[in-house]
Amino acid sequence: WINLNYLILAGLRHYSQLEGPARTRAAQLYSQLRDNLVLNMQKQWESTGYLWEHYDPISGRGQRTHPFNGWSALALLIVSEIYP
């Protein structure tokens, strides 16, 4: 679900900005997850024309409810890197 990924991204971004041993790894994970999430949502949008409730963790294929613009709209905050 996008909302869980958003929370994880917020935490990773936070720890990537703090001094400490986890800084570099948190920055790497943040970048990888953010890129994978946004690119997969874009790919699914282009192939189906829908935002989905959630995406398969292995294939990335959109699943369940569509069109779904609830927490999938968090992708805009992720792209903008806005984390309260």
PDB file of N, CA and C in Angstrom:
ATOM      1  N   TRP A   1       0.838  -1.178   0.000  1.00  0.00           N
ATOM      2  CA  TRP A   1       0.000   0.000   0.000  1.00  0.00           C
ATOM      3  C   TRP A   1       0.885   1.243   0.000  1.00  0.00           C
ATOM      4  N   ILE A   2       0.424   2.232  -0.696  1.00  0.00           N
ATOM      5  CA  ILE A   2       1.221   3.441  -0.858  1.00  0.00           C
ATOM      6  C   ILE A   2       1.401   4.176   0.473  1.00  0.00           C
ATOM      7  N   ASN A   3       0.378   4.173   1.299  1.00  0.00           N
ATOM      8  CA  ASN A   3       0.487   4.893   2.578  1.00  0.00           C
ATOM      9  C   ASN A   3       1.586   4.317   3.466  1.00  0.00           C
ATOM     10  N   LEU A   4       1.768   3.009   3.460  1.00  0.00           N
ATOM     11  CA  LEU A   4       2.848   2.408   4.256  1.00  0.00           C
ATOM     12  C   LEU A   4       4.214   2.760   3.673  1.00  0.00           C
ATOM     13  N   ASN A   5       4.308   2.736   2.359  1.00  0.00           N
ATOM     14  CA  ASN A   5       5.555   3.124   1.713  1.00  0.00           C
ATOM     15  C   ASN A   5       5.881   4.588   2.001  1.00  0.00           C
ATOM     16  N   TYR A   6       4.875   5.426   2.024  1.00  0.00           N
ATOM     17  CA  TYR A   6       5.082   6.842   2.348  1.00  0.00           C
ATOM     18  C   TYR A   6       5.680   7.006   3.745  1.00  0.00           C
ATOM     19  N   LEU A   7       5.143   6.271   4.707  1.00  0.00           N
ATOM     20  CA  LEU A   7       5.674   6.348   6.071  1.00  0.00           C
ATOM     21  C   LEU A   7       7.109   5.835   6.145  1.00  0.00           C
ATOM     22  N   ILE A   8       7.397   4.768   5.436  1.00  0.00           N
ATOM     23  CA  ILE A   8       8.757   4.230   5.403  1.00  0.00           C
ATOM     24  C   ILE A   8       9.697   5.240   4.763  1.00  0.00           C
ATOM     25  N   LEU A   9       9.270   5.840   3.656  1.00  0.00           N
ATOM     26  CA  LEU A   9      10.091   6.850   2.992  1.00  0.00           C
ATOM     27  C   LEU A   9      10.363   8.039   3.910  1.00  0.00           C
ATOM     28  N   ALA A  10       9.356   8.461   4.649  1.00  0.00           N
ATOM     29  CA  ALA A  10       9.534   9.578   5.576  1.00  0.00           C
ATOM     30  C   ALA A  10      10.593   9.242   6.621  1.00  0.00           C
ATOM     31  N   GLY A  11      10.536   8.025   7.152  1.00  0.00           N
ATOM     32  CA  GLY A  11      11.537   7.599   8.143  1.00  0.00           C
ATOM     33  C   GLY A  11      12.929   7.499   7.543  1.00  0.00           C
ATOM     34  N   LEU A  12      13.032   6.901   6.365  1.00  0.00           N
ATOM     35  CA  LEU A  12      14.334   6.769   5.717  1.00  0.00           C
ATOM     36  C   LEU A  12      14.932   8.139   5.392  1.00  0.00           C
ATOM     37  N   ARG A  13      14.098   9.040   4.920  1.00  0.00           N
ATOM     38  CA  ARG A  13      14.607  10.386   4.611  1.00  0.00           C
ATOM     39  C   ARG A  13      15.079  11.072   5.882  1.00  0.00           C
ATOM     40  N   HIS A  14      14.329  10.934   6.957  1.00  0.00           N
ATOM     41  CA  HIS A  14      14.727  11.520   8.238  1.00  0.00           C
ATOM     42  C   HIS A  14      16.096  11.005   8.674  1.00  0.00           C
ATOM     43  N   TYR A  15      16.275   9.682   8.666  1.00  0.00           N
ATOM     44  CA  TYR A  15      17.535   9.107   9.119  1.00  0.00           C
ATOM     45  C   TYR A  15      18.680   9.357   8.140  1.00  0.00           C
ATOM     46  N   SER A  16      18.362   9.612   6.883  1.00  0.00           N
ATOM     47  CA  SER A  16      19.418   9.918   5.916  1.00  0.00           C
ATOM     48  C   SER A  16      19.970  11.328   6.110  1.00  0.00           C
ATOM     49  N   GLN A  17      19.286  12.144   6.898  1.00  0.00           N
ATOM     50  CA  GLN A  17      19.731  13.518   7.139  1.00  0.00           C
ATOM     51  C   GLN A  17      20.384  13.697   8.502  1.00  0.00           C
ATOM     52  N   LEU A  18      20.443  12.622   9.282  1.00  0.00           N
ATOM     53  CA  LEU A  18      21.064  12.690  10.598  1.00  0.00           C
ATOM     54  C   LEU A  18      22.487  12.153  10.539  1.00  0.00           C
ATOM     55  N   GLU A  19      23.345  12.722  11.349  1.00  0.00           N
ATOM     56  CA  GLU A  19      24.689  12.172  11.479  1.00  0.00           C
ATOM     57  C   GLU A  19      24.592  10.814  12.148  1.00  0.00           C
ATOM     58  N   GLY A  20      25.394   9.873  11.699  1.00  0.00           N
ATOM     59  CA  GLY A  20      25.400   8.563  12.334  1.00  0.00           C
ATOM     60  C   GLY A  20      25.678   7.459  11.345  1.00  0.00           C
ATOM     61  N   PRO A  21      25.830   6.244  11.864  1.00  0.00           N
ATOM     62  CA  PRO A  21      26.233   5.116  11.025  1.00  0.00           C
ATOM     63  C   PRO A  21      25.169   4.669  10.020  1.00  0.00           C
ATOM     64  N   ALA A  22      23.912   5.009  10.252  1.00  0.00           N
ATOM     65  CA  ALA A  22      22.841   4.563   9.360  1.00  0.00           C
ATOM     66  C   ALA A  22      22.568   5.554   8.231  1.00  0.00           C
ATOM     67  N   ARG A  23      23.229   6.688   8.266  1.00  0.00           N
ATOM     68  CA  ARG A  23      22.930   7.766   7.318  1.00  0.00           C
ATOM     69  C   ARG A  23      23.051   7.333   5.860  1.00  0.00           C
ATOM     70  N   THR A  24      24.163   6.742   5.496  1.00  0.00           N
ATOM     71  CA  THR A  24      24.403   6.363   4.107  1.00  0.00           C
ATOM     72  C   THR A  24      23.437   5.293   3.638  1.00  0.00           C
ATOM     73  N   ARG A  25      23.239   4.282   4.464  1.00  0.00           N
ATOM     74  CA  ARG A  25      22.331   3.188   4.076  1.00  0.00           C
ATOM     75  C   ARG A  25      20.891   3.686   3.978  1.00  0.00           C
ATOM     76  N   ALA A  26      20.485   4.541   4.900  1.00  0.00           N
ATOM     77  CA  ALA A  26      19.129   5.093   4.854  1.00  0.00           C
ATOM     78  C   ALA A  26      18.936   5.897   3.571  1.00  0.00           C
ATOM     79  N   ALA A  27      19.933   6.649   3.158  1.00  0.00           N
ATOM     80  CA  ALA A  27      19.847   7.436   1.921  1.00  0.00           C
ATOM     81  C   ALA A  27      19.736   6.521   0.703  1.00  0.00           C
ATOM     82  N   GLN A  28      20.482   5.433   0.693  1.00  0.00           N
ATOM     83  CA  GLN A  28      20.418   4.479  -0.417  1.00  0.00           C
ATOM     84  C   GLN A  28      19.043   3.826  -0.494  1.00  0.00           C
ATOM     85  N   LEU A  29      18.551   3.360   0.635  1.00  0.00           N
ATOM     86  CA  LEU A  29      17.243   2.709   0.663  1.00  0.00           C
ATOM     87  C   LEU A  29      16.135   3.676   0.287  1.00  0.00           C
ATOM     88  N   TYR A  30      16.233   4.905   0.771  1.00  0.00           N
ATOM     89  CA  TYR A  30      15.254   5.935   0.436  1.00  0.00           C
ATOM     90  C   TYR A  30      15.191   6.127  -1.078  1.00  0.00           C
ATOM     91  N   SER A  31      16.340   6.303  -1.682  1.00  0.00           N
ATOM     92  CA  SER A  31      16.408   6.548  -3.120  1.00  0.00           C
ATOM     93  C   SER A  31      15.864   5.366  -3.918  1.00  0.00           C
ATOM     94  N   GLN A  32      16.242   4.167  -3.540  1.00  0.00           N
ATOM     95  CA  GLN A  32      15.779   2.966  -4.248  1.00  0.00           C
ATOM     96  C   GLN A  32      14.269   2.789  -4.123  1.00  0.00           C
ATOM     97  N   LEU A  33      13.756   2.902  -2.906  1.00  0.00           N
ATOM     98  CA  LEU A  33      12.315   2.713  -2.696  1.00  0.00           C
ATOM     99  C   LEU A  33      11.518   3.794  -3.409  1.00  0.00           C
ATOM    100  N   ARG A  34      11.955   5.025  -3.287  1.00  0.00           N
ATOM    101  CA  ARG A  34      11.253   6.136  -3.930  1.00  0.00           C
ATOM    102  C   ARG A  34      11.203   5.931  -5.444  1.00  0.00           C
ATOM    103  N   ASP A  35      12.339   5.642  -6.040  1.00  0.00           N
ATOM    104  CA  ASP A  35      12.384   5.433  -7.491  1.00  0.00           C
ATOM    105  C   ASP A  35      11.520   4.261  -7.920  1.00  0.00           C
ATOM    106  N   ASN A  36      11.641   3.141  -7.222  1.00  0.00           N
ATOM    107  CA  ASN A  36      10.860   1.953  -7.577  1.00  0.00           C
ATOM    108  C   ASN A  36       9.362   2.207  -7.455  1.00  0.00           C
ATOM    109  N   LEU A  37       8.970   2.865  -6.391  1.00  0.00           N
ATOM    110  CA  LEU A  37       7.554   3.127  -6.152  1.00  0.00           C
ATOM    111  C   LEU A  37       6.966   4.035  -7.225  1.00  0.00           C
ATOM    112  N   VAL A  38       7.631   5.151  -7.483  1.00  0.00           N
ATOM    113  CA  VAL A  38       7.114   6.114  -8.450  1.00  0.00           C
ATOM    114  C   VAL A  38       7.123   5.528  -9.860  1.00  0.00           C
ATOM    115  N   LEU A  39       8.207   4.868 -10.233  1.00  0.00           N
ATOM    116  CA  LEU A  39       8.284   4.285 -11.573  1.00  0.00           C
ATOM    117  C   LEU A  39       7.254   3.182 -11.774  1.00  0.00           C
ATOM    118  N   ASN A  40       7.017   2.378 -10.750  1.00  0.00           N
ATOM    119  CA  ASN A  40       6.009   1.320 -10.880  1.00  0.00           C
ATOM    120  C   ASN A  40       4.609   1.899 -11.017  1.00  0.00           C
ATOM    121  N   MET A  41       4.297   2.905 -10.216  1.00  0.00           N
ATOM    122  CA  MET A  41       2.976   3.520 -10.334  1.00  0.00           C
ATOM    123  C   MET A  41       2.783   4.132 -11.720  1.00  0.00           C
ATOM    124  N   GLN A  42       3.830   4.758 -12.235  1.00  0.00           N
ATOM    125  CA  GLN A  42       3.756   5.336 -13.575  1.00  0.00           C
ATOM    126  C   GLN A  42       3.557   4.240 -14.627  1.00  0.00           C
ATOM    127  N   LYS A  43       4.291   3.150 -14.487  1.00  0.00           N
ATOM    128  CA  LYS A  43       4.172   2.029 -15.425  1.00  0.00           C
ATOM    129  C   LYS A  43       2.755   1.459 -15.416  1.00  0.00           C
ATOM    130  N   GLN A  44       2.191   1.279 -14.224  1.00  0.00           N
ATOM    131  CA  GLN A  44       0.833   0.741 -14.124  1.00  0.00           C
ATOM    132  C   GLN A  44      -0.193   1.725 -14.680  1.00  0.00           C
ATOM    133  N   TRP A  45       0.023   3.011 -14.451  1.00  0.00           N
ATOM    134  CA  TRP A  45      -0.872   4.028 -14.998  1.00  0.00           C
ATOM    135  C   TRP A  45      -0.848   3.975 -16.522  1.00  0.00           C
ATOM    136  N   GLU A  46       0.357   3.892 -17.079  1.00  0.00           N
ATOM    137  CA  GLU A  46       0.491   3.871 -18.537  1.00  0.00           C
ATOM    138  C   GLU A  46      -0.102   2.603 -19.152  1.00  0.00           C
ATOM    139  N   SER A  47       0.000   1.476 -18.461  1.00  0.00           N
ATOM    140  CA  SER A  47      -0.506   0.225 -19.042  1.00  0.00           C
ATOM    141  C   SER A  47      -1.993  -0.008 -18.792  1.00  0.00           C
ATOM    142  N   THR A  48      -2.540   0.552 -17.714  1.00  0.00           N
ATOM    143  CA  THR A  48      -3.949   0.290 -17.393  1.00  0.00           C
ATOM    144  C   THR A  48      -4.828   1.542 -17.395  1.00  0.00           C
ATOM    145  N   GLY A  49      -4.208   2.704 -17.227  1.00  0.00           N
ATOM    146  CA  GLY A  49      -4.982   3.942 -17.123  1.00  0.00           C
ATOM    147  C   GLY A  49      -5.567   4.178 -15.746  1.00  0.00           C
ATOM    148  N   TYR A  50      -5.094   3.414 -14.744  1.00  0.00           N
ATOM    149  CA  TYR A  50      -5.647   3.528 -13.391  1.00  0.00           C
ATOM    150  C   TYR A  50      -4.553   3.656 -12.338  1.00  0.00           C
ATOM    151  N   LEU A  51      -4.902   4.334 -11.231  1.00  0.00           N
ATOM    152  CA  LEU A  51      -4.175   4.196  -9.973  1.00  0.00           C
ATOM    153  C   LEU A  51      -4.882   3.082  -9.222  1.00  0.00           C
ATOM    154  N   TRP A  52      -4.137   2.305  -8.501  1.00  0.00           N
ATOM    155  CA  TRP A  52      -4.697   1.131  -7.837  1.00  0.00           C
ATOM    156  C   TRP A  52      -4.625   1.266  -6.318  1.00  0.00           C
ATOM    157  N   GLU A  53      -5.443   0.458  -5.641  1.00  0.00           N
ATOM    158  CA  GLU A  53      -5.446   0.458  -4.168  1.00  0.00           C
ATOM    159  C   GLU A  53      -4.091  -0.003  -3.639  1.00  0.00           C
ATOM    160  N   HIS A  54      -3.577  -1.062  -4.215  1.00  0.00           N
ATOM    161  CA  HIS A  54      -2.233  -1.504  -3.851  1.00  0.00           C
ATOM    162  C   HIS A  54      -1.623  -2.250  -5.013  1.00  0.00           C
ATOM    163  N   TYR A  55      -0.342  -2.542  -4.863  1.00  0.00           N
ATOM    164  CA  TYR A  55       0.437  -3.135  -5.938  1.00  0.00           C
ATOM    165  C   TYR A  55       1.113  -4.398  -5.438  1.00  0.00           C
ATOM    166  N   ASP A  56       1.138  -5.425  -6.281  1.00  0.00           N
ATOM    167  CA  ASP A  56       1.757  -6.692  -5.919  1.00  0.00           C
ATOM    168  C   ASP A  56       3.229  -6.466  -5.569  1.00  0.00           C
ATOM    169  N   PRO A  57       3.694  -6.984  -4.418  1.00  0.00           N
ATOM    170  CA  PRO A  57       5.074  -6.735  -4.006  1.00  0.00           C
ATOM    171  C   PRO A  57       6.122  -7.416  -4.885  1.00  0.00           C
ATOM    172  N   ILE A  58       5.731  -8.430  -5.638  1.00  0.00           N
ATOM    173  CA  ILE A  58       6.687  -9.132  -6.502  1.00  0.00           C
ATOM    174  C   ILE A  58       6.632  -8.580  -7.931  1.00  0.00           C
ATOM    175  N   SER A  59       5.455  -8.566  -8.517  1.00  0.00           N
ATOM    176  CA  SER A  59       5.331  -8.151  -9.922  1.00  0.00           C
ATOM    177  C   SER A  59       5.111  -6.651 -10.089  1.00  0.00           C
ATOM    178  N   GLY A  60       4.618  -5.978  -9.043  1.00  0.00           N
ATOM    179  CA  GLY A  60       4.303  -4.560  -9.142  1.00  0.00           C
ATOM    180  C   GLY A  60       2.961  -4.275  -9.792  1.00  0.00           C
ATOM    181  N   ARG A  61       2.262  -5.320 -10.209  1.00  0.00           N
ATOM    182  CA  ARG A  61       0.982  -5.159 -10.883  1.00  0.00           C
ATOM    183  C   ARG A  61      -0.065  -4.564  -9.940  1.00  0.00           C
ATOM    184  N   GLY A  62      -0.848  -3.611 -10.445  1.00  0.00           N
ATOM    185  CA  GLY A  62      -1.910  -3.022  -9.650  1.00  0.00           C
ATOM    186  C   GLY A  62      -2.963  -4.057  -9.304  1.00  0.00           C
ATOM    187  N   GLN A  63      -3.497  -3.971  -8.076  1.00  0.00           N
ATOM    188  CA  GLN A  63      -4.473  -4.948  -7.613  1.00  0.00           C
ATOM    189  C   GLN A  63      -5.615  -4.282  -6.866  1.00  0.00           C
ATOM    190  N   ARG A  64      -6.673  -5.036  -6.757  1.00  0.00           N
ATOM    191  CA  ARG A  64      -7.897  -4.702  -6.024  1.00  0.00           C
ATOM    192  C   ARG A  64      -8.632  -3.528  -6.638  1.00  0.00           C
ATOM    193  N   THR A  65      -8.931  -2.534  -5.836  1.00  0.00           N
ATOM    194  CA  THR A  65      -9.817  -1.463  -6.246  1.00  0.00           C
ATOM    195  C   THR A  65      -9.148  -0.516  -7.239  1.00  0.00           C
ATOM    196  N   HIS A  66      -9.887  -0.188  -8.282  1.00  0.00           N
ATOM    197  CA  HIS A  66      -9.472   0.852  -9.215  1.00  0.00           C
ATOM    198  C   HIS A  66     -10.718   1.456  -9.837  1.00  0.00           C
ATOM    199  N   PRO A  67     -10.777   2.684 -10.198  1.00  0.00           N
ATOM    200  CA  PRO A  67      -9.729   3.654  -9.912  1.00  0.00           C
ATOM    201  C   PRO A  67      -9.703   3.958  -8.421  1.00  0.00           C
ATOM    202  N   PHE A  68      -8.528   4.207  -7.922  1.00  0.00           N
ATOM    203  CA  PHE A  68      -8.357   4.446  -6.496  1.00  0.00           C
ATOM    204  C   PHE A  68      -7.445   5.648  -6.331  1.00  0.00           C
ATOM    205  N   ASN A  69      -8.012   6.746  -5.904  1.00  0.00           N
ATOM    206  CA  ASN A  69      -7.223   7.972  -5.765  1.00  0.00           C
ATOM    207  C   ASN A  69      -7.075   8.388  -4.312  1.00  0.00           C
ATOM    208  N   GLY A  70      -7.263   7.472  -3.394  1.00  0.00           N
ATOM    209  CA  GLY A  70      -7.099   7.767  -1.968  1.00  0.00           C
ATOM    210  C   GLY A  70      -5.635   7.961  -1.643  1.00  0.00           C
ATOM    211  N   TRP A  71      -5.070   7.007  -0.942  1.00  0.00           N
ATOM    212  CA  TRP A  71      -3.674   7.156  -0.547  1.00  0.00           C
ATOM    213  C   TRP A  71      -2.709   7.035  -1.722  1.00  0.00           C
ATOM    214  N   SER A  72      -3.183   6.598  -2.886  1.00  0.00           N
ATOM    215  CA  SER A  72      -2.324   6.607  -4.072  1.00  0.00           C
ATOM    216  C   SER A  72      -1.928   8.028  -4.447  1.00  0.00           C
ATOM    217  N   ALA A  73      -2.733   9.004  -4.012  1.00  0.00           N
ATOM    218  CA  ALA A  73      -2.401  10.406  -4.262  1.00  0.00           C
ATOM    219  C   ALA A  73      -1.153  10.838  -3.495  1.00  0.00           C
ATOM    220  N   LEU A  74      -0.736  10.049  -2.509  1.00  0.00           N
ATOM    221  CA  LEU A  74       0.512  10.346  -1.800  1.00  0.00           C
ATOM    222  C   LEU A  74       1.715  10.333  -2.738  1.00  0.00           C
ATOM    223  N   ALA A  75       1.564   9.718  -3.903  1.00  0.00           N
ATOM    224  CA  ALA A  75       2.657   9.714  -4.879  1.00  0.00           C
ATOM    225  C   ALA A  75       3.077  11.145  -5.221  1.00  0.00           C
ATOM    226  N   LEU A  76       2.137  12.072  -5.207  1.00  0.00           N
ATOM    227  CA  LEU A  76       2.479  13.473  -5.483  1.00  0.00           C
ATOM    228  C   LEU A  76       3.388  14.044  -4.401  1.00  0.00           C
ATOM    229  N   LEU A  77       3.122  13.704  -3.158  1.00  0.00           N
ATOM    230  CA  LEU A  77       3.989  14.169  -2.071  1.00  0.00           C
ATOM    231  C   LEU A  77       5.350  13.477  -2.132  1.00  0.00           C
ATOM    232  N   ILE A  78       5.357  12.217  -2.531  1.00  0.00           N
ATOM    233  CA  ILE A  78       6.619  11.478  -2.653  1.00  0.00           C
ATOM    234  C   ILE A  78       7.486  12.104  -3.744  1.00  0.00           C
ATOM    235  N   VAL A  79       6.891  12.378  -4.892  1.00  0.00           N
ATOM    236  CA  VAL A  79       7.635  13.014  -5.977  1.00  0.00           C
ATOM    237  C   VAL A  79       8.149  14.382  -5.546  1.00  0.00           C
ATOM    238  N   SER A  80       7.337  15.105  -4.799  1.00  0.00           N
ATOM    239  CA  SER A  80       7.711  16.442  -4.321  1.00  0.00           C
ATOM    240  C   SER A  80       8.623  16.404  -3.103  1.00  0.00           C
ATOM    241  N   GLU A  81       8.810  15.222  -2.545  1.00  0.00           N
ATOM    242  CA  GLU A  81       9.601  15.008  -1.326  1.00  0.00           C
ATOM    243  C   GLU A  81       9.080  15.855  -0.165  1.00  0.00           C
ATOM    244  N   ILE A  82       7.768  15.780   0.021  1.00  0.00           N
ATOM    245  CA  ILE A  82       7.122  16.495   1.133  1.00  0.00           C
ATOM    246  C   ILE A  82       6.741  15.452   2.185  1.00  0.00           C
ATOM    247  N   TYR A  83       7.416  15.533   3.325  1.00  0.00           N
ATOM    248  CA  TYR A  83       7.140  14.622   4.445  1.00  0.00           C
ATOM    249  C   TYR A  83       6.991  15.495   5.702  1.00  0.00           C
ATOM    250  N   PRO A  84       5.788  15.526   6.282  1.00  0.00           N
ATOM    251  CA  PRO A  84       5.597  16.370   7.461  1.00  0.00           C
ATOM    252  C   PRO A  84       6.414  15.885   8.658  1.00  0.00           C
TER     253      PRO A  84
END
